[in-house]
Protein backbone atom coordinates (compact mmCIF):
# COMPACT_ATOMS: atom_id res chain seq x y z
CA MET A 1 77.56 -76.31 -78.93
CA SER A 2 79.80 -73.14 -78.87
CA MET A 3 76.94 -70.90 -79.50
CA SER A 4 75.07 -72.20 -76.76
CA THR A 5 77.71 -71.93 -74.20
CA ALA A 6 78.37 -68.17 -75.09
CA LEU A 7 74.71 -67.98 -74.64
CA SER A 8 74.70 -69.59 -70.87
CA GLY A 9 77.42 -66.97 -70.07
CA LEU A 10 75.32 -64.08 -71.39
CA MET A 11 72.29 -65.17 -69.29
CA ALA A 12 74.62 -65.80 -66.41
CA ALA A 13 76.25 -62.22 -66.38
CA GLN A 14 72.56 -60.70 -67.23
CA THR A 15 71.69 -62.42 -63.79
CA GLU A 16 74.56 -61.22 -61.99
CA ILE A 17 74.15 -57.66 -63.48
CA SER A 18 70.33 -57.87 -61.99
CA ALA A 19 71.11 -58.94 -58.59
CA THR A 20 74.04 -56.03 -58.33
CA SER A 21 71.47 -53.74 -59.49
CA HIS A 22 69.01 -54.76 -57.19
CA ASN A 23 71.68 -54.28 -54.22
CA ILE A 24 72.61 -50.66 -55.45
CA ALA A 25 68.84 -49.88 -55.91
CA ASN A 26 68.29 -50.92 -52.16
CA VAL A 27 71.34 -49.52 -50.44
CA GLY A 28 68.93 -47.14 -48.60
CA THR A 29 66.39 -49.64 -47.51
CA VAL A 30 66.34 -50.28 -43.82
CA GLY A 31 66.87 -53.92 -42.79
CA PHE A 32 67.58 -55.03 -46.37
CA ARG A 33 69.99 -57.90 -46.92
CA SER A 34 72.15 -57.79 -49.85
CA SER A 35 72.31 -60.88 -52.45
CA ARG A 36 75.22 -62.60 -54.66
CA VAL A 37 74.56 -64.63 -57.30
CA GLU A 38 76.46 -68.16 -57.23
CA PHE A 39 77.06 -70.25 -60.22
CA ALA A 40 78.16 -73.74 -61.48
CA ASP A 41 79.57 -75.03 -64.37
CA VAL A 42 77.51 -77.27 -66.87
CA PHE A 43 79.79 -80.40 -67.77
CA SER A 44 78.10 -83.44 -69.78
CA SER A 45 79.34 -86.36 -71.70
CA SER A 46 78.56 -89.63 -72.66
CA PRO A 47 79.95 -92.80 -70.73
CA MET A 48 81.78 -93.82 -73.48
CA ALA A 49 83.53 -90.29 -74.25
CA ASN A 50 87.38 -89.39 -73.80
CA GLN A 51 87.33 -87.62 -70.49
CA ARG A 52 90.93 -85.90 -71.14
CA THR A 53 89.26 -84.05 -74.22
CA ALA A 54 85.87 -83.39 -72.84
CA VAL A 55 84.73 -79.77 -72.99
CA GLY A 56 82.26 -78.17 -70.66
CA SER A 57 78.67 -76.69 -71.90
CA GLY A 58 78.59 -73.50 -70.21
CA VAL A 59 77.50 -72.38 -66.66
CA THR A 60 74.27 -71.99 -64.95
CA VAL A 61 72.95 -70.30 -61.94
CA GLN A 62 73.32 -72.16 -58.85
CA ARG A 63 71.46 -70.25 -56.26
CA VAL A 64 71.15 -66.22 -55.38
CA ALA A 65 72.26 -66.36 -52.12
CA GLN A 66 71.48 -63.56 -49.28
CA ASP A 67 74.04 -62.29 -46.85
CA TYR A 68 72.59 -61.85 -43.60
CA SER A 69 75.62 -60.13 -41.86
CA GLN A 70 74.87 -57.36 -39.52
CA GLY A 71 74.21 -53.76 -41.24
CA ASN A 72 75.46 -50.59 -39.53
CA VAL A 73 73.25 -49.39 -36.44
CA VAL A 74 72.39 -45.81 -36.45
CA THR A 75 70.48 -43.83 -34.01
CA THR A 76 67.19 -42.08 -34.99
CA GLY A 77 66.03 -40.87 -31.55
CA ASN A 78 62.51 -42.24 -32.48
CA LEU A 79 61.51 -44.66 -29.45
CA LEU A 80 59.98 -47.41 -31.33
CA ASP A 81 62.59 -47.43 -33.77
CA MET A 82 64.53 -50.96 -33.30
CA ALA A 83 67.69 -52.35 -34.38
CA ILE A 84 68.88 -55.97 -33.51
CA GLU A 85 72.48 -56.54 -32.86
CA GLY A 86 73.43 -59.90 -33.53
CA GLN A 87 71.39 -62.51 -34.81
CA GLY A 88 67.21 -62.86 -35.06
CA PHE A 89 64.40 -61.32 -36.98
CA PHE A 90 61.41 -59.15 -36.01
CA ALA A 91 58.25 -61.06 -36.24
CA ILE A 92 55.23 -59.31 -38.10
CA ARG A 93 51.62 -59.81 -38.90
CA MET A 94 50.62 -58.80 -42.28
CA ALA A 95 48.20 -56.26 -42.89
CA PRO A 96 45.57 -56.79 -45.88
CA ASN A 97 46.83 -55.54 -49.11
CA GLY A 98 44.61 -55.55 -52.15
CA ASN A 99 43.32 -59.17 -52.76
CA VAL A 100 45.71 -60.47 -49.94
CA PRO A 101 43.65 -60.82 -46.73
CA GLY A 102 46.88 -60.52 -44.72
CA GLY A 103 47.15 -62.29 -41.01
CA GLU A 104 50.53 -63.96 -42.33
CA THR A 105 53.40 -63.93 -40.43
CA ARG A 106 56.75 -62.79 -41.82
CA PHE A 107 60.25 -61.86 -40.65
CA THR A 108 62.30 -58.78 -41.11
CA ARG A 109 65.52 -56.64 -39.62
CA SER A 110 63.55 -53.56 -40.47
CA GLY A 111 62.41 -52.02 -37.22
CA ALA A 112 61.20 -49.05 -38.42
CA PHE A 113 57.91 -49.24 -36.28
CA ASN A 114 55.29 -46.26 -35.00
CA MET A 115 52.09 -46.47 -32.98
CA ASN A 116 48.91 -46.25 -35.01
CA ALA A 117 45.56 -44.37 -34.27
CA THR A 118 44.54 -47.11 -31.85
CA GLY A 119 48.32 -47.70 -30.05
CA GLY A 120 49.11 -50.68 -32.25
CA VAL A 121 52.91 -50.89 -33.38
CA VAL A 122 53.01 -51.20 -36.96
CA ASN A 123 55.52 -50.48 -39.75
CA ALA A 124 54.80 -48.07 -42.85
CA SER A 125 52.78 -50.79 -44.72
CA GLY A 126 50.69 -51.11 -41.27
CA ASP A 127 52.17 -54.81 -40.67
CA ALA A 128 52.09 -55.24 -36.79
CA LEU A 129 54.87 -56.08 -34.76
CA LEU A 130 54.34 -59.28 -32.63
CA GLY A 131 54.90 -59.52 -29.04
CA TRP A 132 53.93 -61.53 -26.18
CA PRO A 133 51.94 -60.67 -23.19
CA VAL A 134 53.70 -60.10 -19.86
CA ALA A 135 53.13 -60.20 -16.13
CA MET A 136 53.49 -56.88 -14.04
CA ASP A 137 57.21 -57.55 -13.49
CA GLY A 138 57.74 -57.62 -17.39
CA THR A 139 58.20 -61.12 -17.43
CA ALA A 140 56.71 -62.68 -20.55
CA LEU A 141 53.82 -65.19 -19.96
CA THR A 142 55.01 -67.20 -22.70
CA ASN A 143 57.75 -67.90 -25.42
CA GLN A 144 55.56 -69.52 -28.19
CA LEU A 145 55.55 -67.67 -31.43
CA GLY A 146 52.30 -69.07 -32.32
CA GLN A 147 50.93 -67.16 -28.82
CA ALA A 148 52.43 -64.07 -30.01
CA VAL A 149 49.94 -61.02 -30.60
CA PRO A 150 50.07 -57.81 -32.12
CA LEU A 151 52.04 -55.50 -29.74
CA THR A 152 49.74 -52.64 -28.52
CA ILE A 153 50.32 -49.65 -26.23
CA PRO A 154 47.24 -48.44 -25.21
CA PRO A 155 47.28 -44.43 -25.63
CA ILE A 156 45.32 -44.16 -22.21
CA MET A 157 45.11 -46.43 -19.05
CA GLY A 158 42.81 -46.78 -16.05
CA ALA A 159 38.81 -46.44 -16.12
CA PRO A 160 37.69 -43.01 -14.75
CA THR A 161 35.67 -42.84 -11.38
CA ALA A 162 33.62 -40.53 -9.67
CA SER A 163 34.90 -38.88 -6.71
CA THR A 164 33.21 -40.54 -3.26
CA GLU A 165 35.34 -38.82 -0.58
CA VAL A 166 36.70 -35.34 -0.19
CA GLN A 167 39.47 -35.01 2.21
CA LEU A 168 39.50 -31.21 3.29
CA GLN A 169 41.47 -30.52 6.47
CA VAL A 170 41.03 -26.50 7.37
CA ASP A 171 41.67 -23.93 10.19
CA LEU A 172 38.55 -22.02 10.97
CA PRO A 173 39.08 -18.74 12.81
CA SER A 174 37.93 -18.42 16.28
CA ASP A 175 37.62 -14.39 15.84
CA ASN A 176 34.05 -13.76 14.30
CA GLY A 177 35.53 -10.41 13.07
CA MET A 178 37.33 -12.86 10.33
CA LEU A 179 34.13 -14.06 9.08
CA GLY A 180 31.80 -12.61 6.26
CA GLN A 181 28.70 -13.97 8.17
CA GLN A 182 28.05 -11.53 11.21
CA VAL A 183 24.67 -13.05 13.04
CA PHE A 184 25.02 -16.52 14.41
CA PRO A 185 22.94 -18.17 13.17
CA PRO A 186 22.21 -16.14 10.10
CA VAL A 187 18.73 -14.72 9.63
CA ALA A 188 18.40 -15.16 6.04
CA PRO A 189 18.45 -18.89 4.57
CA PHE A 190 21.85 -20.33 2.94
CA ASP A 191 22.06 -18.47 -0.29
CA ALA A 192 25.38 -18.96 -2.25
CA THR A 193 25.64 -15.79 -3.73
CA ASP A 194 24.97 -13.90 -0.47
CA PRO A 195 28.22 -13.74 1.43
CA THR A 196 26.41 -12.81 4.55
CA THR A 197 24.44 -16.07 4.85
CA TYR A 198 27.81 -18.13 5.24
CA ALA A 199 30.45 -17.61 7.44
CA THR A 200 33.61 -18.68 4.63
CA ARG A 201 33.82 -21.10 1.78
CA THR A 202 36.40 -22.86 -0.41
CA PRO A 203 36.57 -24.52 -3.56
CA VAL A 204 37.43 -28.40 -3.33
CA PRO A 205 38.42 -30.70 -6.06
CA LEU A 206 35.88 -33.43 -7.32
CA PHE A 207 35.56 -35.51 -10.26
CA GLY A 208 32.27 -36.53 -11.84
CA PRO A 209 31.27 -40.18 -13.10
CA ALA A 210 33.14 -39.56 -16.54
CA GLY A 211 36.31 -39.04 -14.33
CA THR A 212 36.49 -35.31 -15.42
CA PRO A 213 36.95 -32.43 -12.78
CA VAL A 214 33.55 -30.49 -11.85
CA GLU A 215 33.02 -27.11 -10.10
CA ALA A 216 32.63 -28.00 -6.15
CA GLU A 217 32.60 -25.64 -3.47
CA ALA A 218 32.17 -26.38 0.50
CA TYR A 219 30.44 -23.67 2.46
CA PHE A 220 30.69 -23.26 6.39
CA ILE A 221 27.87 -21.58 8.08
CA LYS A 222 28.44 -20.75 11.90
CA ILE A 223 25.74 -21.80 13.86
CA SER A 224 26.68 -20.67 17.58
CA GLY A 225 29.69 -20.10 19.37
CA PRO A 226 31.24 -20.40 23.11
CA ASP A 227 28.60 -19.17 25.66
CA PRO A 228 28.14 -19.70 29.74
CA ILE A 229 26.54 -23.11 28.94
CA THR A 230 29.07 -24.37 26.73
CA ALA A 231 32.53 -24.13 25.21
CA ASP A 232 31.32 -25.53 22.01
CA THR A 233 31.27 -23.82 18.40
CA VAL A 234 29.16 -25.30 15.93
CA TYR A 235 29.33 -24.81 12.07
CA GLU A 236 26.86 -26.19 9.26
CA VAL A 237 28.28 -27.31 6.23
CA ARG A 238 26.78 -26.81 2.59
CA MET A 239 27.98 -28.36 -0.86
CA MET A 240 27.38 -26.98 -4.13
CA VAL A 241 28.41 -29.09 -6.86
CA ASP A 242 28.04 -27.35 -10.56
CA GLY A 243 25.91 -24.87 -9.09
CA GLN A 244 23.68 -27.51 -7.58
CA GLU A 245 23.54 -27.81 -3.91
CA PHE A 246 24.21 -31.46 -2.57
CA LEU A 247 21.65 -32.12 0.29
CA PRO A 248 22.69 -34.45 2.80
CA THR A 249 22.28 -38.06 2.24
CA ASP A 250 20.20 -38.59 5.46
CA PRO A 251 17.63 -35.63 6.00
CA LEU A 252 17.51 -36.63 9.55
CA ILE A 253 21.46 -35.93 10.38
CA LEU A 254 22.28 -32.35 10.23
CA PRO A 255 25.39 -31.50 8.32
CA GLN A 256 27.57 -30.06 11.25
CA VAL A 257 30.53 -29.96 12.92
CA THR A 258 31.37 -29.47 16.61
CA PHE A 259 34.60 -27.97 18.02
CA ASN A 260 35.37 -28.02 21.61
CA GLY A 261 37.06 -25.34 23.48
CA ALA A 262 40.22 -26.43 22.66
CA GLY A 263 39.71 -26.02 18.96
CA ASP A 264 39.56 -29.55 18.14
CA ILE A 265 36.41 -31.69 16.10
CA THR A 266 34.51 -33.74 18.96
CA ALA A 267 31.54 -34.45 16.25
CA GLY A 268 30.80 -34.16 12.63
CA GLY A 269 34.31 -35.06 11.58
CA ALA A 270 32.83 -37.12 8.36
CA LEU A 271 29.67 -35.38 6.81
CA ASP A 272 27.64 -37.43 3.47
CA PHE A 273 26.05 -35.65 0.72
CA GLY A 274 24.35 -36.46 -2.16
CA PRO A 275 22.00 -39.25 -3.50
CA ALA A 276 25.60 -41.18 -4.48
CA GLY A 277 26.87 -40.91 -1.18
CA LEU A 278 29.78 -38.26 -1.09
CA THR A 279 31.75 -38.06 2.03
CA LEU A 280 33.32 -34.85 3.33
CA ASN A 281 35.91 -35.85 5.77
CA LEU A 282 36.96 -32.71 7.98
CA GLY A 283 39.56 -34.75 9.96
CA GLY A 284 42.49 -32.56 11.34
CA SER A 285 40.38 -29.55 10.87
CA GLN A 286 40.15 -26.97 13.93
CA LEU A 287 39.41 -23.76 15.38
CA THR A 288 42.55 -21.22 15.38
CA THR A 289 43.00 -17.45 15.80
CA ASN A 290 44.11 -17.42 12.30
CA PRO A 291 42.26 -16.59 9.14
CA PHE A 292 40.69 -19.07 7.45
CA THR A 293 42.97 -21.59 5.82
CA VAL A 294 43.08 -24.54 3.93
CA GLN A 295 45.49 -26.78 5.10
CA ALA A 296 45.36 -29.99 2.84
CA VAL A 297 42.57 -31.32 0.44
CA SER A 298 42.63 -34.35 -1.82
CA HIS A 299 39.69 -36.74 -3.15
CA ASP A 300 39.58 -40.52 -4.31
CA GLY A 301 38.18 -39.70 -7.92
CA THR A 302 40.57 -41.01 -10.42
CA THR A 303 40.87 -39.96 -14.53
CA SER A 304 41.82 -41.88 -17.30
CA ALA A 305 45.95 -41.29 -17.56
CA GLY A 306 47.74 -40.50 -20.76
CA LEU A 307 50.76 -42.22 -22.13
CA SER A 308 53.58 -39.85 -20.84
CA ASN A 309 56.83 -41.82 -21.58
CA LEU A 310 57.59 -45.07 -23.34
CA GLU A 311 61.10 -46.97 -23.41
CA VAL A 312 62.10 -50.23 -24.49
CA ASP A 313 64.70 -52.44 -22.70
CA GLY A 314 67.65 -54.59 -24.57
CA ALA A 315 65.56 -57.72 -23.51
CA GLY A 316 62.70 -56.45 -25.90
CA GLY A 317 60.46 -55.41 -23.02
CA VAL A 318 58.10 -52.25 -23.55
CA TRP A 319 57.56 -50.32 -20.73
CA ALA A 320 54.92 -47.32 -20.69
CA THR A 321 54.33 -44.45 -18.00
CA TYR A 322 50.90 -43.23 -17.60
CA GLY A 323 50.84 -39.92 -15.46
CA LEU A 324 50.37 -40.97 -11.88
CA LEU A 325 49.96 -44.69 -12.29
CA GLY A 326 53.60 -44.85 -13.19
CA ARG A 327 55.76 -47.31 -14.98
CA MET A 328 54.32 -50.53 -16.33
CA PRO A 329 54.74 -53.25 -18.79
CA VAL A 330 52.79 -53.64 -21.91
CA GLY A 331 54.54 -56.70 -23.57
CA GLN A 332 57.61 -57.87 -25.07
CA VAL A 333 58.68 -57.82 -28.68
CA ALA A 334 58.55 -61.55 -29.81
CA MET A 335 61.95 -62.68 -31.97
CA ALA A 336 62.68 -65.65 -34.41
CA ASN A 337 65.70 -67.42 -35.73
CA PHE A 338 66.18 -70.30 -38.12
CA THR A 339 68.62 -73.20 -38.34
CA ASN A 340 69.22 -72.52 -42.17
CA THR A 341 68.34 -68.68 -42.97
CA GLN A 342 69.45 -69.25 -46.51
CA GLY A 343 66.49 -71.52 -47.14
CA LEU A 344 64.03 -68.27 -46.19
CA LYS A 345 62.03 -66.72 -49.09
CA VAL A 346 62.39 -63.42 -49.76
CA GLN A 347 58.78 -61.70 -49.85
CA GLY A 348 60.00 -58.09 -50.77
CA LYS A 349 59.56 -55.09 -48.33
CA ALA A 350 62.90 -56.57 -46.49
CA THR A 351 60.57 -59.43 -45.30
CA PHE A 352 61.11 -63.06 -45.60
CA ALA A 353 59.27 -66.32 -45.07
CA ALA A 354 60.00 -69.51 -43.63
CA THR A 355 60.02 -72.57 -45.84
CA ALA A 356 60.80 -76.28 -45.11
CA ASP A 357 64.46 -75.43 -46.08
CA SER A 358 64.49 -73.38 -43.73
CA GLY A 359 62.88 -74.98 -41.22
CA PRO A 360 60.02 -73.74 -38.45
CA PRO A 361 61.07 -70.18 -36.86
CA ILE A 362 62.74 -70.86 -33.35
CA ALA A 363 61.12 -68.07 -31.04
CA GLY A 364 63.00 -66.40 -28.54
CA SER A 365 63.73 -63.05 -26.85
CA ALA A 366 66.48 -60.33 -27.40
CA GLY A 367 69.55 -61.34 -25.31
CA SER A 368 68.88 -64.99 -24.71
CA LEU A 369 71.07 -67.66 -26.13
CA GLY A 370 70.97 -67.58 -29.83
CA PHE A 371 69.63 -64.04 -30.00
CA GLY A 372 71.26 -60.46 -30.33
CA ASN A 373 70.46 -57.81 -28.21
CA LEU A 374 67.72 -55.04 -29.05
CA ARG A 375 68.60 -51.36 -29.20
CA ALA A 376 65.89 -48.77 -28.95
CA GLY A 377 65.62 -45.69 -30.84
CA ALA A 378 68.05 -46.94 -33.71
CA LEU A 379 67.72 -48.63 -36.99
CA GLU A 380 69.92 -51.27 -38.86
CA ARG A 381 70.86 -50.09 -42.48
CA SER A 382 71.18 -51.88 -45.41
CA ASN A 383 74.24 -54.34 -45.24
CA VAL A 384 74.94 -53.68 -48.82
CA GLU A 385 78.72 -52.53 -49.47
CA LEU A 386 78.35 -49.95 -52.29
CA THR A 387 82.17 -49.84 -53.19
CA GLU A 388 82.02 -53.62 -53.76
CA GLU A 389 78.94 -53.62 -55.70
CA LEU A 390 80.19 -51.27 -57.92
CA VAL A 391 83.14 -53.30 -58.65
CA ASN A 392 80.93 -56.20 -59.04
CA LEU A 393 79.23 -54.36 -61.49
CA ILE A 394 81.99 -53.76 -63.92
CA SER A 395 83.03 -56.96 -63.56
CA ALA A 396 79.68 -58.59 -64.47
CA GLN A 397 79.63 -56.00 -67.41
CA ARG A 398 82.94 -57.14 -68.82
CA ASN A 399 82.07 -60.75 -68.36
CA TYR A 400 78.94 -60.21 -70.63
CA GLN A 401 80.82 -58.61 -73.14
CA ALA A 402 83.27 -61.34 -73.28
CA SER A 403 80.30 -63.74 -73.57
CA ALA A 404 79.00 -61.60 -76.38
CA LYS A 405 82.26 -61.93 -77.78
CA ALA A 406 82.31 -65.57 -77.84
CA MET A 407 78.87 -65.71 -79.40
CA GLU A 408 79.89 -63.18 -82.23
CA THR A 409 83.20 -65.50 -83.03
CA SER A 410 80.80 -68.73 -82.82
CA THR A 411 78.53 -67.08 -85.27
CA SER A 412 81.28 -66.05 -87.50
CA LEU A 413 83.08 -69.73 -87.25
CA MET A 414 79.25 -71.08 -88.23
CA GLN A 415 79.34 -68.68 -91.46
CA THR A 416 82.50 -69.55 -92.65
CA VAL A 417 81.43 -73.10 -92.89
CA MET A 418 78.30 -72.36 -94.31
CA ASN A 419 80.54 -70.32 -97.10
CA ILE A 420 82.59 -73.19 -98.24
CA ARG A 421 81.95 -74.81 -101.42
CA SER A 422 82.34 -78.33 -102.80
């Protein structure tokens, strides 16, 4: 009996040394929860035995309990590093690994995340952080964990569109001496390479069908000026796009703009070019005594906007900024908690799985009742207290040595009995 009692002490001390060594080894693991071994004495006796003289039968491991206390939070500067200050876990969807198909939902306090090539928010193992879709004001559309999806931050936003209208406001000189063209109208036909065939020109911004800039220029040809019959001045407008001339959409309508004696447009303020219908709007343009000047120019084409800024608020809302599109919500980090955290199953990689003992996960958002706040740009370190673990290691070593001594003594007693001669 004393031999088995001493053996149980050795095994218990070995278990405690293993648990303490595991804690020490993971002192630098982000989000790691330390563990401790809880023991119970073994006591058995027959119903007729005298309880006053009964002796215990050793020790057994009752459980290995996890410590879910808060670890130190340190600032990292990485926008997608997140730390939970208080209760709760991140929900992650496991990536395929070897023969494991993936797709299982697990829970962790480790918030070391980054973006992969497709914009997915993942950890170093490729496991996806789960989040909820949101409305344009950032409000989550659901709070059910079963409806959470891998959080994705699109690298670009918006579909590119070609320019359909160019707003061009110019001041055209009333003095012919300021023009390259000297004959009105010119004798030679329009030629973009011959400055004597047009009065002046200007580049204009334009996007093609792919939403990328294309080279475009507007040319102004003076057709006529004030004379004894009329005070009007007429200019013909030509459009060159990528080295090719855009002809008027309607060949029966001349692309001409007319100014009255006061220098204001009286006709041809909007001209249509090209087969796709590009409108050149000259509203606000006028004749002046000044040299040719572009007062304003813009177009309605759009290009895909790239991600320029990212932030995560205290409630787990993820906001992205895409160029001129501005700041918009892309999701909300899903969090979970449990009625009995000690019932969670340790899965490695600082992750846990729900069990019947832990109860089903309770979903919620950071900062709500029962959940801690989310701190972006920071990580929660391991909650292992190294000094305490070293003391525990020494204590477990002494316990192991003492149990070994008890076994040695028991062996010596048995040998003494075997040496008794009748």
